[in-house]
C-alpha atoms as a PDB file:
ATOM      1  CA  MET A   1     -19.630   7.473   3.607  1.00  0.00           C
ATOM      2  CA  THR A   2     -18.295   3.922   3.996  1.00  0.00           C
ATOM      3  CA  GLU A   3     -14.514   3.230   3.490  1.00  0.00           C
ATOM      4  CA  ASN A   4     -13.866   0.992   0.557  1.00  0.00           C
ATOM      5  CA  ARG A   5     -12.279  -2.473   1.570  1.00  0.00           C
ATOM      6  CA  PHE A   6     -11.128  -5.497  -0.391  1.00  0.00           C
ATOM      7  CA  VAL A   7     -12.440  -9.071   0.795  1.00  0.00           C
ATOM      8  CA  ILE A   8     -10.293 -11.976  -0.596  1.00  0.00           C
ATOM      9  CA  GLY A   9     -12.663 -14.697  -1.405  1.00  0.00           C
ATOM     10  CA  PRO A  10     -12.620 -18.300  -2.985  1.00  0.00           C
ATOM     11  CA  ARG A  11     -10.082 -19.340  -5.495  1.00  0.00           C
ATOM     12  CA  SER A  12     -11.150 -19.285  -9.057  1.00  0.00           C
ATOM     13  CA  PHE A  13     -10.591 -21.899 -11.798  1.00  0.00           C
ATOM     14  CA  ASP A  14      -7.615 -20.208 -13.210  1.00  0.00           C
ATOM     15  CA  GLY A  15      -5.895 -20.145  -9.655  1.00  0.00           C
ATOM     16  CA  SER A  16      -6.440 -16.753  -8.990  1.00  0.00           C
ATOM     17  CA  PHE A  17      -8.306 -15.512  -5.596  1.00  0.00           C
ATOM     18  CA  ARG A  18     -11.489 -13.348  -6.104  1.00  0.00           C
ATOM     19  CA  LEU A  19     -10.812  -9.667  -5.004  1.00  0.00           C
ATOM     20  CA  LEU A  20     -14.037  -8.088  -3.955  1.00  0.00           C
ATOM     21  CA  ARG A  21     -14.389  -4.385  -3.261  1.00  0.00           C
ATOM     22  CA  MET A  22     -16.944  -3.456  -0.836  1.00  0.00           C
ATOM     23  CA  PRO A  23     -19.223  -2.211  -0.341  1.00  0.00           C
ATOM     24  CA  ASP A  24     -20.130  -1.847  -4.052  1.00  0.00           C
ATOM     25  CA  GLY A  25     -19.125  -5.302  -4.925  1.00  0.00           C
ATOM     26  CA  LEU A  26     -16.669  -4.668  -7.806  1.00  0.00           C
ATOM     27  CA  ALA A  27     -14.814  -7.904  -8.372  1.00  0.00           C
ATOM     28  CA  LEU A  28     -11.144  -8.208  -9.524  1.00  0.00           C
ATOM     29  CA  SER A  29      -8.591 -11.407  -9.412  1.00  0.00           C
ATOM     30  CA  ALA A  30      -5.414 -11.531  -7.880  1.00  0.00           C
ATOM     31  CA  ARG A  31      -2.527 -13.787  -8.156  1.00  0.00           C
ATOM     32  CA  SER A  32      -0.214 -12.686  -5.587  1.00  0.00           C
ATOM     33  CA  TRP A  33       0.000 -10.450  -2.724  1.00  0.00           C
ATOM     34  CA  ASP A  34       1.660  -7.969  -5.057  1.00  0.00           C
ATOM     35  CA  ASP A  35      -1.729  -7.793  -7.110  1.00  0.00           C
ATOM     36  CA  VAL A  36      -3.644  -6.906  -3.965  1.00  0.00           C
ATOM     37  CA  TRP A  37      -1.312  -3.975  -2.909  1.00  0.00           C
ATOM     38  CA  ALA A  38      -1.346  -2.541  -6.422  1.00  0.00           C
ATOM     39  CA  ALA A  39      -4.994  -2.806  -6.741  1.00  0.00           C
ATOM     40  CA  CYS A  40      -5.467  -0.724  -3.502  1.00  0.00           C
ATOM     41  CA  PRO A  41      -4.317   2.840  -4.587  1.00  0.00           C
ATOM     42  CA  GLU A  42      -5.960   2.029  -8.135  1.00  0.00           C
ATOM     43  CA  PHE A  43      -9.434   1.155  -6.560  1.00  0.00           C
ATOM     44  CA  ASN A  44      -9.394   3.538  -3.774  1.00  0.00           C
ATOM     45  CA  VAL A  45      -8.768   0.998  -0.898  1.00  0.00           C
ATOM     46  CA  PRO A  46      -6.683   1.657   2.092  1.00  0.00           C
ATOM     47  CA  TRP A  47      -3.793  -0.919   2.183  1.00  0.00           C
ATOM     48  CA  ARG A  48      -4.745  -2.019   5.643  1.00  0.00           C
ATOM     49  CA  ALA A  49      -8.496  -2.205   4.718  1.00  0.00           C
ATOM     50  CA  ILE A  50      -8.188  -5.900   3.502  1.00  0.00           C
ATOM     51  CA  GLY A  51      -9.675  -9.224   5.000  1.00  0.00           C
ATOM     52  CA  PHE A  52     -10.552 -12.710   4.132  1.00  0.00           C
ATOM     53  CA  SER A  53     -14.131 -14.036   3.352  1.00  0.00           C
ATOM     54  CA  ASP A  54     -13.386 -16.986   5.802  1.00  0.00           C
ATOM     55  CA  LEU A  55     -10.850 -18.930   7.382  1.00  0.00           C
ATOM     56  CA  VAL A  56     -10.654 -21.657   4.629  1.00  0.00           C
ATOM     57  CA  VAL A  57      -9.817 -18.872   2.169  1.00  0.00           C
ATOM     58  CA  ARG A  58      -7.252 -17.488   4.381  1.00  0.00           C
ATOM     59  CA  GLN A  59      -5.607 -21.107   4.835  1.00  0.00           C
ATOM     60  CA  GLN A  60      -5.712 -21.281   0.951  1.00  0.00           C
ATOM     61  CA  VAL A  61      -4.309 -17.932   0.401  1.00  0.00           C
ATOM     62  CA  LEU A  62      -1.397 -18.553   2.661  1.00  0.00           C
ATOM     63  CA  ASP A  63      -0.847 -22.222   1.147  1.00  0.00           C
ATOM     64  CA  VAL A  64      -0.440 -20.733  -2.376  1.00  0.00           C
ATOM     65  CA  TRP A  65       1.002 -17.060  -1.783  1.00  0.00           C
ATOM     66  CA  GLY A  66       2.808 -17.443   1.493  1.00  0.00           C
ATOM     67  CA  ASP A  67       2.563 -15.141   4.497  1.00  0.00           C
ATOM     68  CA  HIS A  68       3.271 -11.485   4.025  1.00  0.00           C
ATOM     69  CA  PRO A  69       4.336  -9.069   6.791  1.00  0.00           C
ATOM     70  CA  ASP A  70       1.543  -6.458   5.808  1.00  0.00           C
ATOM     71  CA  MET A  71      -1.109  -9.179   5.268  1.00  0.00           C
ATOM     72  CA  PRO A  72      -4.473  -9.107   7.278  1.00  0.00           C
ATOM     73  CA  SER A  73      -5.051 -11.213  10.420  1.00  0.00           C
END
């Protein structure tokens, strides 16, 4: 069985970022790191199983949310 993970994707028109659970493709939205961490236990995703869809999205998240000691590299 494949472990669930979240991929933070492009920013939406409402300012949130897409949060896609893999491998099933469940899509959520997140407006802060707190939203990401809160969704992990609720949607059965280990808190370290988070990544970015690409480096552009990573930079956008950092610009909007700032860095976080537990964020993915």
